[in-house]
N, C-alpha and C. Protein backbone atom coordinates (compact mmCIF):
# COMPACT_ATOMS: atom_id res chain seq x y z
N UNK A 1 64.30 97.01 50.00
CA UNK A 1 64.87 95.74 50.46
C UNK A 1 66.17 95.98 51.23
N UNK A 2 66.29 95.31 52.36
CA UNK A 2 67.50 95.42 53.17
C UNK A 2 68.51 94.38 52.69
N UNK A 3 69.75 94.78 52.56
CA UNK A 3 70.76 93.86 52.05
C UNK A 3 71.62 93.26 53.16
N UNK A 4 71.41 93.70 54.40
CA UNK A 4 72.16 93.13 55.51
C UNK A 4 71.32 92.07 56.21
N UNK A 5 71.95 91.30 57.09
CA UNK A 5 71.24 90.27 57.83
C UNK A 5 70.84 90.78 59.21
N UNK A 6 69.77 90.21 59.73
CA UNK A 6 69.25 90.56 61.04
C UNK A 6 69.13 89.29 61.88
N UNK A 7 69.66 89.33 63.09
CA UNK A 7 69.63 88.17 63.98
C UNK A 7 68.62 88.39 65.10
N UNK A 8 67.72 87.44 65.26
CA UNK A 8 66.74 87.49 66.35
C UNK A 8 66.85 86.22 67.16
N UNK A 9 67.30 86.35 68.39
CA UNK A 9 67.41 85.21 69.30
C UNK A 9 66.40 85.35 70.43
N UNK A 10 66.24 84.26 71.18
CA UNK A 10 65.33 84.33 72.32
C UNK A 10 64.90 82.96 72.78
N UNK A 11 64.17 82.95 73.86
CA UNK A 11 63.73 81.71 74.47
C UNK A 11 62.59 81.07 73.69
N UNK A 12 62.26 79.84 74.05
CA UNK A 12 61.19 79.10 73.39
C UNK A 12 59.84 79.77 73.61
N UNK A 13 59.05 79.87 72.54
CA UNK A 13 57.69 80.39 72.66
C UNK A 13 57.58 81.88 72.86
N UNK A 14 58.64 82.61 72.53
CA UNK A 14 58.63 84.05 72.78
C UNK A 14 58.09 84.83 71.58
N UNK A 15 57.87 84.16 70.44
CA UNK A 15 57.30 84.83 69.27
C UNK A 15 58.32 85.27 68.24
N UNK A 16 59.50 84.63 68.26
CA UNK A 16 60.57 85.02 67.32
C UNK A 16 60.14 84.84 65.87
N UNK A 17 59.57 83.68 65.56
CA UNK A 17 59.22 83.38 64.17
C UNK A 17 58.10 84.27 63.66
N UNK A 18 57.10 84.52 64.51
CA UNK A 18 55.98 85.38 64.10
C UNK A 18 56.47 86.79 63.79
N UNK A 19 57.34 87.31 64.66
CA UNK A 19 57.88 88.65 64.43
C UNK A 19 58.76 88.68 63.19
N UNK A 20 59.59 87.66 63.03
CA UNK A 20 60.49 87.60 61.87
C UNK A 20 59.71 87.52 60.56
N UNK A 21 58.60 86.78 60.56
CA UNK A 21 57.75 86.67 59.37
C UNK A 21 57.26 88.05 58.93
N UNK A 22 56.70 88.79 59.86
CA UNK A 22 56.13 90.11 59.56
C UNK A 22 57.21 91.09 59.14
N UNK A 23 58.34 91.05 59.83
CA UNK A 23 59.43 91.97 59.51
C UNK A 23 60.04 91.67 58.15
N UNK A 24 60.13 90.39 57.80
CA UNK A 24 60.67 90.01 56.50
C UNK A 24 59.78 90.56 55.38
N UNK A 25 58.48 90.44 55.56
CA UNK A 25 57.54 90.95 54.56
C UNK A 25 57.64 92.47 54.44
N UNK A 26 57.76 93.14 55.57
CA UNK A 26 57.79 94.61 55.57
C UNK A 26 59.07 95.18 54.99
N UNK A 27 60.15 94.40 55.05
CA UNK A 27 61.46 94.91 54.61
C UNK A 27 61.99 94.25 53.34
N UNK A 28 61.16 93.45 52.69
CA UNK A 28 61.59 92.80 51.46
C UNK A 28 62.72 91.82 51.69
N UNK A 29 62.67 91.12 52.82
CA UNK A 29 63.73 90.18 53.17
C UNK A 29 63.19 88.75 53.22
N UNK A 30 64.08 87.81 53.48
CA UNK A 30 63.69 86.40 53.58
C UNK A 30 63.84 85.95 55.03
N UNK A 31 62.84 85.29 55.55
CA UNK A 31 62.88 84.79 56.92
C UNK A 31 63.42 83.37 56.92
N UNK A 32 64.50 83.14 57.64
CA UNK A 32 65.05 81.80 57.79
C UNK A 32 64.78 81.35 59.22
N UNK A 33 63.87 80.38 59.37
CA UNK A 33 63.46 79.86 60.67
C UNK A 33 64.38 78.70 61.05
N UNK A 34 65.44 79.00 61.79
CA UNK A 34 66.40 77.95 62.14
C UNK A 34 65.81 76.97 63.13
N UNK A 35 64.86 77.43 63.95
CA UNK A 35 64.22 76.51 64.89
C UNK A 35 63.52 75.39 64.16
N UNK A 36 62.87 75.73 63.04
CA UNK A 36 62.19 74.72 62.25
C UNK A 36 63.19 73.72 61.67
N UNK A 37 64.39 74.19 61.36
CA UNK A 37 65.42 73.30 60.82
C UNK A 37 65.82 72.26 61.85
N UNK A 38 66.04 72.70 63.08
CA UNK A 38 66.40 71.76 64.14
C UNK A 38 65.24 70.82 64.46
N UNK A 39 64.03 71.33 64.40
CA UNK A 39 62.86 70.49 64.63
C UNK A 39 62.75 69.41 63.56
N UNK A 40 63.10 69.77 62.34
CA UNK A 40 63.07 68.78 61.26
C UNK A 40 64.07 67.66 61.52
N UNK A 41 65.25 68.01 62.00
CA UNK A 41 66.26 67.00 62.31
C UNK A 41 65.76 66.11 63.44
N UNK A 42 65.13 66.70 64.45
CA UNK A 42 64.60 65.91 65.56
C UNK A 42 63.52 64.95 65.07
N UNK A 43 62.64 65.44 64.22
CA UNK A 43 61.58 64.58 63.68
C UNK A 43 62.17 63.45 62.84
N UNK A 44 63.18 63.78 62.03
CA UNK A 44 63.82 62.76 61.21
C UNK A 44 64.44 61.66 62.08
N UNK A 45 65.05 62.06 63.19
CA UNK A 45 65.65 61.08 64.09
C UNK A 45 64.58 60.21 64.75
N UNK A 46 63.47 60.85 65.12
CA UNK A 46 62.37 60.09 65.74
C UNK A 46 61.81 59.09 64.74
N UNK A 47 61.59 59.52 63.52
CA UNK A 47 61.03 58.64 62.50
C UNK A 47 61.96 57.47 62.19
N UNK A 48 63.27 57.72 62.27
CA UNK A 48 64.25 56.68 61.96
C UNK A 48 64.58 55.83 63.18
N UNK A 49 64.04 56.20 64.34
CA UNK A 49 64.32 55.45 65.55
C UNK A 49 65.77 55.55 65.97
N UNK A 50 66.36 56.73 65.73
CA UNK A 50 67.78 56.92 66.00
C UNK A 50 68.03 57.26 67.47
N UNK A 51 69.09 56.71 68.02
CA UNK A 51 69.53 57.03 69.37
C UNK A 51 70.44 58.26 69.29
N UNK A 52 70.02 59.40 69.86
CA UNK A 52 70.84 60.63 69.79
C UNK A 52 72.22 60.47 70.40
N UNK A 53 72.41 59.45 71.22
CA UNK A 53 73.70 59.24 71.87
C UNK A 53 74.67 58.43 71.00
N UNK A 54 74.20 58.02 69.82
CA UNK A 54 75.06 57.24 68.92
C UNK A 54 75.51 58.12 67.75
N UNK A 55 76.75 58.58 67.74
CA UNK A 55 77.24 59.49 66.69
C UNK A 55 77.07 58.93 65.28
N UNK A 56 77.27 57.63 65.11
CA UNK A 56 77.15 57.04 63.78
C UNK A 56 75.71 57.13 63.26
N UNK A 57 74.73 56.87 64.13
CA UNK A 57 73.34 56.95 63.72
C UNK A 57 72.94 58.39 63.43
N UNK A 58 73.42 59.31 64.23
CA UNK A 58 73.12 60.72 64.02
C UNK A 58 73.68 61.19 62.68
N UNK A 59 74.90 60.82 62.37
CA UNK A 59 75.53 61.20 61.10
C UNK A 59 74.77 60.61 59.92
N UNK A 60 74.30 59.39 60.10
CA UNK A 60 73.55 58.74 59.01
C UNK A 60 72.27 59.51 58.69
N UNK A 61 71.58 59.95 59.72
CA UNK A 61 70.35 60.72 59.50
C UNK A 61 70.67 62.09 58.89
N UNK A 62 71.69 62.75 59.40
CA UNK A 62 72.06 64.07 58.87
C UNK A 62 72.39 64.01 57.39
N UNK A 63 72.96 62.91 56.95
CA UNK A 63 73.32 62.76 55.54
C UNK A 63 72.09 62.66 54.64
N UNK A 64 70.94 62.31 55.23
CA UNK A 64 69.72 62.11 54.42
C UNK A 64 68.72 63.25 54.56
N UNK A 65 68.94 64.14 55.52
CA UNK A 65 67.97 65.20 55.79
C UNK A 65 68.02 66.29 54.72
N UNK A 66 66.86 66.60 54.15
CA UNK A 66 66.72 67.68 53.19
C UNK A 66 65.57 68.56 53.66
N UNK A 67 65.85 69.81 53.95
CA UNK A 67 64.85 70.73 54.50
C UNK A 67 64.53 71.80 53.47
N UNK A 68 63.24 72.06 53.30
CA UNK A 68 62.83 73.06 52.30
C UNK A 68 61.68 73.88 52.87
N UNK A 69 61.69 75.19 52.60
CA UNK A 69 60.61 76.07 53.01
C UNK A 69 59.86 76.55 51.78
N UNK A 70 58.54 76.51 51.87
CA UNK A 70 57.69 77.03 50.80
C UNK A 70 56.66 77.94 51.47
N UNK A 71 56.96 79.24 51.47
CA UNK A 71 56.13 80.15 52.24
C UNK A 71 56.27 79.80 53.71
N UNK A 72 55.16 79.55 54.37
CA UNK A 72 55.17 79.19 55.79
C UNK A 72 55.13 77.68 55.99
N UNK A 73 55.14 76.94 54.91
CA UNK A 73 55.11 75.48 55.00
C UNK A 73 56.53 74.93 55.04
N UNK A 74 56.72 73.89 55.82
CA UNK A 74 58.04 73.29 56.00
C UNK A 74 58.01 71.86 55.48
N UNK A 75 59.05 71.50 54.72
CA UNK A 75 59.12 70.16 54.15
C UNK A 75 60.40 69.46 54.57
N UNK A 76 60.24 68.22 54.98
CA UNK A 76 61.37 67.37 55.35
C UNK A 76 61.40 66.21 54.36
N UNK A 77 62.45 66.17 53.54
CA UNK A 77 62.56 65.12 52.52
C UNK A 77 61.29 65.02 51.69
N UNK A 78 60.78 66.20 51.27
CA UNK A 78 59.61 66.33 50.40
C UNK A 78 58.28 65.99 51.07
N UNK A 79 58.29 65.77 52.38
CA UNK A 79 57.05 65.53 53.13
C UNK A 79 56.75 66.79 53.96
N UNK A 80 55.53 67.32 53.84
CA UNK A 80 55.20 68.50 54.62
C UNK A 80 55.10 68.13 56.10
N UNK A 81 55.81 68.89 56.93
CA UNK A 81 55.86 68.58 58.37
C UNK A 81 55.58 69.83 59.21
N UNK A 82 54.91 70.82 58.60
CA UNK A 82 54.68 72.10 59.27
C UNK A 82 54.08 71.94 60.67
N UNK A 83 53.06 71.10 60.78
CA UNK A 83 52.41 70.90 62.07
C UNK A 83 53.11 69.81 62.89
N UNK A 84 53.64 68.82 62.20
CA UNK A 84 54.27 67.69 62.90
C UNK A 84 55.47 68.10 63.73
N UNK A 85 56.17 69.17 63.33
CA UNK A 85 57.37 69.58 64.07
C UNK A 85 57.04 70.54 65.21
N UNK A 86 55.77 70.85 65.40
CA UNK A 86 55.39 71.82 66.43
C UNK A 86 54.75 71.17 67.66
N UNK A 87 54.78 69.86 67.77
CA UNK A 87 54.20 69.20 68.94
C UNK A 87 55.14 69.34 70.14
N UNK A 88 54.59 69.16 71.33
CA UNK A 88 55.40 69.26 72.55
C UNK A 88 56.49 68.19 72.56
N UNK A 89 56.16 66.99 72.04
CA UNK A 89 57.14 65.89 72.02
C UNK A 89 58.35 66.27 71.18
N UNK A 90 58.11 66.83 70.01
CA UNK A 90 59.22 67.22 69.13
C UNK A 90 59.95 68.43 69.70
N UNK A 91 59.23 69.33 70.36
CA UNK A 91 59.87 70.49 70.99
C UNK A 91 60.90 70.04 72.02
N UNK A 92 60.52 69.09 72.86
CA UNK A 92 61.43 68.60 73.89
C UNK A 92 62.60 67.83 73.28
N UNK A 93 62.32 67.02 72.26
CA UNK A 93 63.38 66.26 71.60
C UNK A 93 64.33 67.20 70.88
N UNK A 94 63.81 68.28 70.31
CA UNK A 94 64.63 69.23 69.58
C UNK A 94 65.72 69.83 70.45
N UNK A 95 65.36 70.15 71.70
CA UNK A 95 66.35 70.73 72.60
C UNK A 95 67.52 69.78 72.81
N UNK A 96 67.22 68.49 72.91
CA UNK A 96 68.28 67.48 73.10
C UNK A 96 69.09 67.31 71.83
N UNK A 97 68.41 67.22 70.70
CA UNK A 97 69.07 67.01 69.42
C UNK A 97 69.93 68.22 69.03
N UNK A 98 69.41 69.42 69.29
CA UNK A 98 70.12 70.64 68.92
C UNK A 98 71.41 70.82 69.71
N UNK A 99 71.54 70.11 70.80
CA UNK A 99 72.76 70.21 71.61
C UNK A 99 73.88 69.33 71.09
N UNK A 100 73.56 68.44 70.14
CA UNK A 100 74.57 67.52 69.61
C UNK A 100 75.55 68.29 68.71
N UNK A 101 76.84 68.20 68.96
CA UNK A 101 77.83 68.94 68.17
C UNK A 101 77.71 68.71 66.66
N UNK A 102 77.46 67.47 66.26
CA UNK A 102 77.38 67.17 64.82
C UNK A 102 76.19 67.88 64.18
N UNK A 103 75.07 67.90 64.88
CA UNK A 103 73.87 68.57 64.38
C UNK A 103 74.10 70.07 64.33
N UNK A 104 74.68 70.60 65.39
CA UNK A 104 74.93 72.03 65.47
C UNK A 104 75.85 72.48 64.34
N UNK A 105 76.91 71.70 64.10
CA UNK A 105 77.88 72.05 63.06
C UNK A 105 77.22 72.03 61.69
N UNK A 106 76.43 71.01 61.43
CA UNK A 106 75.78 70.87 60.12
C UNK A 106 74.79 72.00 59.87
N UNK A 107 73.95 72.31 60.86
CA UNK A 107 72.94 73.34 60.68
C UNK A 107 73.56 74.73 60.63
N UNK A 108 74.57 75.00 61.45
CA UNK A 108 75.23 76.30 61.43
C UNK A 108 75.86 76.56 60.06
N UNK A 109 76.53 75.54 59.53
CA UNK A 109 77.15 75.68 58.21
C UNK A 109 76.11 75.96 57.14
N UNK A 110 74.99 75.24 57.18
CA UNK A 110 73.92 75.44 56.20
C UNK A 110 73.32 76.84 56.33
N UNK A 111 73.14 77.30 57.56
CA UNK A 111 72.57 78.63 57.78
C UNK A 111 73.51 79.73 57.29
N UNK A 112 74.79 79.57 57.52
CA UNK A 112 75.76 80.58 57.08
C UNK A 112 75.88 80.61 55.55
N UNK A 113 75.84 79.44 54.92
CA UNK A 113 75.88 79.38 53.46
C UNK A 113 74.64 80.05 52.87
N UNK A 114 73.48 79.77 53.46
CA UNK A 114 72.21 80.29 52.95
C UNK A 114 72.15 81.81 53.02
N UNK A 115 72.69 82.38 54.10
CA UNK A 115 72.56 83.82 54.33
C UNK A 115 73.78 84.63 53.87
N UNK A 116 74.72 83.99 53.21
CA UNK A 116 75.98 84.65 52.85
C UNK A 116 75.79 85.93 52.04
N UNK A 117 74.78 85.98 51.19
CA UNK A 117 74.58 87.15 50.33
C UNK A 117 73.83 88.28 51.03
N UNK A 118 73.32 88.04 52.24
CA UNK A 118 72.59 89.06 52.97
C UNK A 118 71.11 89.09 52.61
N UNK A 119 70.36 89.94 53.30
CA UNK A 119 68.94 90.07 53.03
C UNK A 119 68.07 89.09 53.79
N UNK A 120 68.58 88.53 54.88
CA UNK A 120 67.84 87.53 55.65
C UNK A 120 67.55 88.03 57.07
N UNK A 121 66.38 87.65 57.56
CA UNK A 121 66.07 87.77 58.98
C UNK A 121 66.11 86.35 59.53
N UNK A 122 67.01 86.10 60.45
CA UNK A 122 67.24 84.75 60.95
C UNK A 122 66.92 84.69 62.44
N UNK A 123 66.05 83.76 62.81
CA UNK A 123 65.73 83.65 64.23
C UNK A 123 66.15 82.29 64.77
N UNK A 124 66.54 82.29 66.04
CA UNK A 124 66.98 81.05 66.66
C UNK A 124 67.43 81.30 68.09
N UNK A 125 68.48 80.59 68.49
CA UNK A 125 68.99 80.74 69.85
C UNK A 125 70.47 81.10 69.90
N UNK A 126 71.16 80.94 68.78
CA UNK A 126 72.59 81.27 68.76
C UNK A 126 72.95 82.05 67.51
N UNK A 127 71.99 82.79 66.97
CA UNK A 127 72.23 83.49 65.70
C UNK A 127 73.21 84.64 65.90
N UNK A 128 72.94 85.51 66.86
CA UNK A 128 73.82 86.64 67.09
C UNK A 128 75.16 86.26 67.68
N UNK A 129 75.20 85.14 68.41
CA UNK A 129 76.44 84.75 69.08
C UNK A 129 77.31 83.82 68.25
N UNK A 130 76.71 83.00 67.38
CA UNK A 130 77.47 81.98 66.63
C UNK A 130 77.28 82.07 65.12
N UNK A 131 76.03 82.04 64.68
CA UNK A 131 75.75 81.94 63.24
C UNK A 131 76.08 83.24 62.50
N UNK A 132 75.59 84.36 63.02
CA UNK A 132 75.80 85.65 62.35
C UNK A 132 76.35 86.68 63.34
N UNK A 133 77.55 86.47 63.85
CA UNK A 133 78.11 87.39 64.85
C UNK A 133 78.36 88.79 64.32
N UNK A 134 78.43 88.96 62.98
CA UNK A 134 78.68 90.27 62.39
C UNK A 134 77.40 90.98 61.96
N UNK A 135 76.24 90.41 62.25
CA UNK A 135 74.99 91.05 61.85
C UNK A 135 74.87 92.43 62.49
N UNK A 136 74.50 93.45 61.71
CA UNK A 136 74.42 94.82 62.25
C UNK A 136 73.23 95.05 63.18
N UNK A 137 72.23 94.16 63.10
CA UNK A 137 71.06 94.26 63.99
C UNK A 137 70.91 92.93 64.71
N UNK A 138 71.02 92.97 66.03
CA UNK A 138 70.86 91.77 66.85
C UNK A 138 69.82 92.03 67.93
N UNK A 139 68.82 91.16 67.98
CA UNK A 139 67.74 91.30 68.94
C UNK A 139 67.68 90.05 69.81
N UNK A 140 67.41 90.24 71.09
CA UNK A 140 67.18 89.11 71.99
C UNK A 140 65.80 89.30 72.61
N UNK A 141 64.86 88.42 72.25
CA UNK A 141 63.50 88.50 72.78
C UNK A 141 63.36 87.61 74.00
N UNK A 142 62.75 88.14 75.03
CA UNK A 142 62.51 87.37 76.25
C UNK A 142 61.08 87.59 76.70
N UNK A 143 60.60 86.73 77.59
CA UNK A 143 59.26 86.86 78.16
C UNK A 143 59.15 85.90 79.33
N UNK A 144 58.30 86.24 80.28
CA UNK A 144 58.08 85.35 81.40
C UNK A 144 57.56 84.00 80.91
N UNK A 145 57.97 82.93 81.56
CA UNK A 145 57.56 81.59 81.13
C UNK A 145 56.05 81.43 81.16
N UNK A 146 55.38 82.06 82.13
CA UNK A 146 53.92 81.95 82.22
C UNK A 146 53.24 82.61 81.02
N UNK A 147 53.78 83.74 80.57
CA UNK A 147 53.22 84.43 79.41
C UNK A 147 53.40 83.59 78.15
N UNK A 148 54.55 82.96 78.03
CA UNK A 148 54.81 82.12 76.86
C UNK A 148 53.93 80.88 76.85
N UNK A 149 53.73 80.29 78.02
CA UNK A 149 52.88 79.10 78.12
C UNK A 149 51.44 79.45 77.75
N UNK A 150 50.97 80.59 78.20
CA UNK A 150 49.60 81.01 77.88
C UNK A 150 49.43 81.22 76.39
N UNK A 151 50.41 81.83 75.74
CA UNK A 151 50.33 82.05 74.29
C UNK A 151 50.27 80.71 73.55
N UNK A 152 51.13 79.79 73.94
CA UNK A 152 51.16 78.49 73.26
C UNK A 152 49.87 77.73 73.50
N UNK A 153 49.35 77.81 74.72
CA UNK A 153 48.09 77.14 75.06
C UNK A 153 46.97 77.69 74.17
N UNK A 154 46.88 79.02 74.07
CA UNK A 154 45.85 79.64 73.24
C UNK A 154 46.01 79.26 71.78
N UNK A 155 47.25 79.18 71.32
CA UNK A 155 47.52 78.80 69.93
C UNK A 155 47.03 77.39 69.65
N UNK A 156 47.31 76.45 70.57
CA UNK A 156 46.85 75.08 70.39
C UNK A 156 45.33 75.00 70.37
N UNK A 157 44.68 75.72 71.29
CA UNK A 157 43.23 75.68 71.37
C UNK A 157 42.59 76.24 70.10
N UNK A 158 43.19 77.30 69.55
CA UNK A 158 42.67 77.89 68.33
C UNK A 158 42.75 76.92 67.15
N UNK A 159 43.76 76.04 67.21
CA UNK A 159 43.94 75.04 66.15
C UNK A 159 43.15 73.76 66.44
N UNK A 160 42.42 73.74 67.56
CA UNK A 160 41.65 72.57 67.89
C UNK A 160 42.48 71.44 68.48
N UNK A 161 43.65 71.78 69.00
CA UNK A 161 44.56 70.77 69.57
C UNK A 161 44.36 70.73 71.08
N UNK A 162 44.17 69.54 71.62
CA UNK A 162 44.03 69.40 73.07
C UNK A 162 45.32 69.87 73.75
N UNK A 163 45.18 70.66 74.81
CA UNK A 163 46.36 71.21 75.46
C UNK A 163 46.13 71.34 76.96
N UNK A 164 47.21 71.21 77.70
CA UNK A 164 47.18 71.37 79.15
C UNK A 164 48.17 72.47 79.53
N UNK A 165 47.66 73.57 80.07
CA UNK A 165 48.51 74.72 80.37
C UNK A 165 49.68 74.35 81.29
N UNK A 166 49.40 73.58 82.34
CA UNK A 166 50.44 73.23 83.30
C UNK A 166 51.56 72.44 82.65
N UNK A 167 51.19 71.52 81.76
CA UNK A 167 52.19 70.72 81.07
C UNK A 167 53.01 71.57 80.11
N UNK A 168 52.34 72.49 79.42
CA UNK A 168 53.04 73.38 78.50
C UNK A 168 54.04 74.24 79.27
N UNK A 169 53.63 74.77 80.41
CA UNK A 169 54.51 75.59 81.23
C UNK A 169 55.72 74.79 81.69
N UNK A 170 55.49 73.56 82.12
CA UNK A 170 56.59 72.70 82.55
C UNK A 170 57.55 72.42 81.40
N UNK A 171 56.99 72.16 80.21
CA UNK A 171 57.83 71.88 79.04
C UNK A 171 58.69 73.09 78.67
N UNK A 172 58.10 74.28 78.73
CA UNK A 172 58.83 75.50 78.39
C UNK A 172 59.96 75.74 79.37
N UNK A 173 59.71 75.56 80.64
CA UNK A 173 60.75 75.77 81.65
C UNK A 173 61.87 74.74 81.50
N UNK A 174 61.49 73.51 81.15
CA UNK A 174 62.48 72.47 80.92
C UNK A 174 63.33 72.82 79.70
N UNK A 175 62.67 73.29 78.66
CA UNK A 175 63.37 73.66 77.42
C UNK A 175 64.33 74.82 77.67
N UNK A 176 63.91 75.79 78.46
CA UNK A 176 64.78 76.92 78.79
C UNK A 176 66.06 76.45 79.46
N UNK A 177 65.90 75.53 80.41
CA UNK A 177 67.07 75.04 81.15
C UNK A 177 68.00 74.28 80.22
N UNK A 178 67.43 73.42 79.38
CA UNK A 178 68.25 72.63 78.46
C UNK A 178 68.99 73.53 77.47
N UNK A 179 68.29 74.52 76.93
CA UNK A 179 68.89 75.40 75.92
C UNK A 179 70.02 76.25 76.49
N UNK A 180 69.86 76.69 77.73
CA UNK A 180 70.86 77.58 78.32
C UNK A 180 72.02 76.84 78.98
N UNK A 181 71.87 75.52 79.18
CA UNK A 181 72.92 74.76 79.86
C UNK A 181 73.66 73.78 78.95
N UNK A 182 73.29 73.71 77.67
CA UNK A 182 74.01 72.79 76.79
C UNK A 182 75.43 73.29 76.56
N UNK A 183 76.34 72.37 76.30
CA UNK A 183 77.75 72.73 76.16
C UNK A 183 78.06 73.34 74.80
N UNK A 184 77.28 72.98 73.78
CA UNK A 184 77.52 73.47 72.42
C UNK A 184 76.52 74.57 72.07
N UNK A 185 77.01 75.77 71.78
CA UNK A 185 76.18 76.91 71.36
C UNK A 185 74.94 77.08 72.23
N UNK A 186 75.12 77.33 73.52
CA UNK A 186 73.96 77.51 74.39
C UNK A 186 73.21 78.80 74.09
N UNK A 187 71.95 78.83 74.52
CA UNK A 187 71.15 80.05 74.38
C UNK A 187 71.81 81.14 75.21
N UNK A 188 72.18 82.23 74.56
CA UNK A 188 72.83 83.32 75.27
C UNK A 188 72.57 84.62 74.51
N UNK A 189 72.45 85.70 75.23
CA UNK A 189 72.27 87.00 74.60
C UNK A 189 73.62 87.52 74.17
N UNK A 190 73.77 87.82 72.90
CA UNK A 190 75.03 88.38 72.40
C UNK A 190 75.29 89.71 73.10
N UNK A 191 76.55 90.01 73.32
CA UNK A 191 76.92 91.21 74.06
C UNK A 191 76.38 92.50 73.46
N UNK A 192 76.23 92.55 72.14
CA UNK A 192 75.76 93.77 71.50
C UNK A 192 74.31 93.67 71.03
N UNK A 193 73.57 92.69 71.55
CA UNK A 193 72.16 92.54 71.18
C UNK A 193 71.28 93.43 72.04
N UNK A 194 70.18 93.87 71.48
CA UNK A 194 69.19 94.67 72.21
C UNK A 194 68.11 93.72 72.72
N UNK A 195 67.90 93.71 74.04
CA UNK A 195 66.90 92.81 74.62
C UNK A 195 65.54 93.50 74.70
N UNK A 196 64.50 92.75 74.32
CA UNK A 196 63.13 93.25 74.38
C UNK A 196 62.29 92.23 75.14
N UNK A 197 61.71 92.63 76.26
CA UNK A 197 60.83 91.76 77.03
C UNK A 197 59.42 91.88 76.46
N UNK A 198 58.92 90.79 75.88
CA UNK A 198 57.64 90.83 75.18
C UNK A 198 56.47 90.35 76.03
N UNK A 199 56.71 90.11 77.32
CA UNK A 199 55.67 89.54 78.19
C UNK A 199 54.34 90.28 78.09
N UNK A 200 54.38 91.61 78.07
CA UNK A 200 53.15 92.40 78.07
C UNK A 200 52.99 93.20 76.78
N UNK A 201 53.61 92.69 75.71
CA UNK A 201 53.53 93.37 74.42
C UNK A 201 52.74 92.54 73.41
N UNK A 202 52.04 93.23 72.51
CA UNK A 202 51.39 92.54 71.40
C UNK A 202 52.43 92.29 70.32
N UNK A 203 52.09 91.43 69.37
CA UNK A 203 53.01 91.15 68.28
C UNK A 203 53.31 92.42 67.49
N UNK A 204 52.31 93.25 67.28
CA UNK A 204 52.51 94.50 66.54
C UNK A 204 53.49 95.42 67.27
N UNK A 205 53.40 95.45 68.59
CA UNK A 205 54.31 96.29 69.37
C UNK A 205 55.75 95.77 69.30
N UNK A 206 55.88 94.45 69.30
CA UNK A 206 57.21 93.84 69.20
C UNK A 206 57.84 94.16 67.85
N UNK A 207 57.08 93.96 66.78
CA UNK A 207 57.62 94.21 65.45
C UNK A 207 57.94 95.69 65.25
N UNK A 208 57.14 96.56 65.82
CA UNK A 208 57.40 98.00 65.70
C UNK A 208 58.70 98.37 66.40
N UNK A 209 58.95 97.76 67.56
CA UNK A 209 60.19 98.05 68.30
C UNK A 209 61.41 97.58 67.51
N UNK A 210 61.30 96.41 66.91
CA UNK A 210 62.42 95.89 66.12
C UNK A 210 62.59 96.70 64.84
N UNK A 211 61.49 97.11 64.23
CA UNK A 211 61.56 97.88 62.99
C UNK A 211 62.32 99.18 63.20
N UNK A 212 62.15 99.80 64.35
CA UNK A 212 62.87 101.04 64.63
C UNK A 212 64.38 100.78 64.64
N UNK A 213 64.79 99.64 65.17
CA UNK A 213 66.21 99.30 65.20
C UNK A 213 66.73 99.01 63.78
N UNK A 214 65.90 98.37 62.96
CA UNK A 214 66.27 98.09 61.58
C UNK A 214 66.43 99.38 60.79
N UNK A 215 65.47 100.29 60.97
CA UNK A 215 65.52 101.58 60.28
C UNK A 215 66.78 102.36 60.67
N UNK A 216 67.13 102.32 61.94
CA UNK A 216 68.31 103.05 62.41
C UNK A 216 69.58 102.47 61.81
N UNK A 217 69.63 101.14 61.65
CA UNK A 217 70.81 100.50 61.10
C UNK A 217 70.94 100.75 59.60
N UNK A 218 69.80 101.01 58.94
CA UNK A 218 69.81 101.19 57.50
C UNK A 218 70.11 102.61 57.07
N UNK A 219 70.25 103.54 58.01
CA UNK A 219 70.52 104.93 57.66
C UNK A 219 71.99 105.15 57.30
């Protein structure tokens, strides 16, 4: 078991969570999916009919949000939302919600408290730069938008979900722009992070590349 934390950042649909899941199992660590946390907040706001531009309404929802992970299942206020938070609508809303300072502050604090003892693999968009700047292993995963759109399209089809490749590609490119241009904790590669372009790599190849970096840090 590794006792230090590992930060994995990257763009939308690049495979951060899938890689983190496998690496956590292989290294006796816990995977903290911060993207799912922000998606839960976005879903909670949608369900409550909250206007993201109203600080009072946002604070009210944040005070009631309770997020729990059980294996790969995600629960929002004791309701399983594993699939509900992965729709294109919630993906686009998440980018807007995650840019709100109040949301960012609340989630960052929760993530830092959760990982304080070490032993976590944390994936997101500002882990190496904001949440865990002292992590000894920092990875930044990237991939061409077309490759990411194709993966997401195939994933939807495998689950029997109707999908349109062109729309998925447009959503991913829009999400990239929003994530990298927000004023609060924008998507950015930490200065000491190792970048891995996964466009032409399998998941096994990605995890093997990261594992080598983990092994080197643990020596």
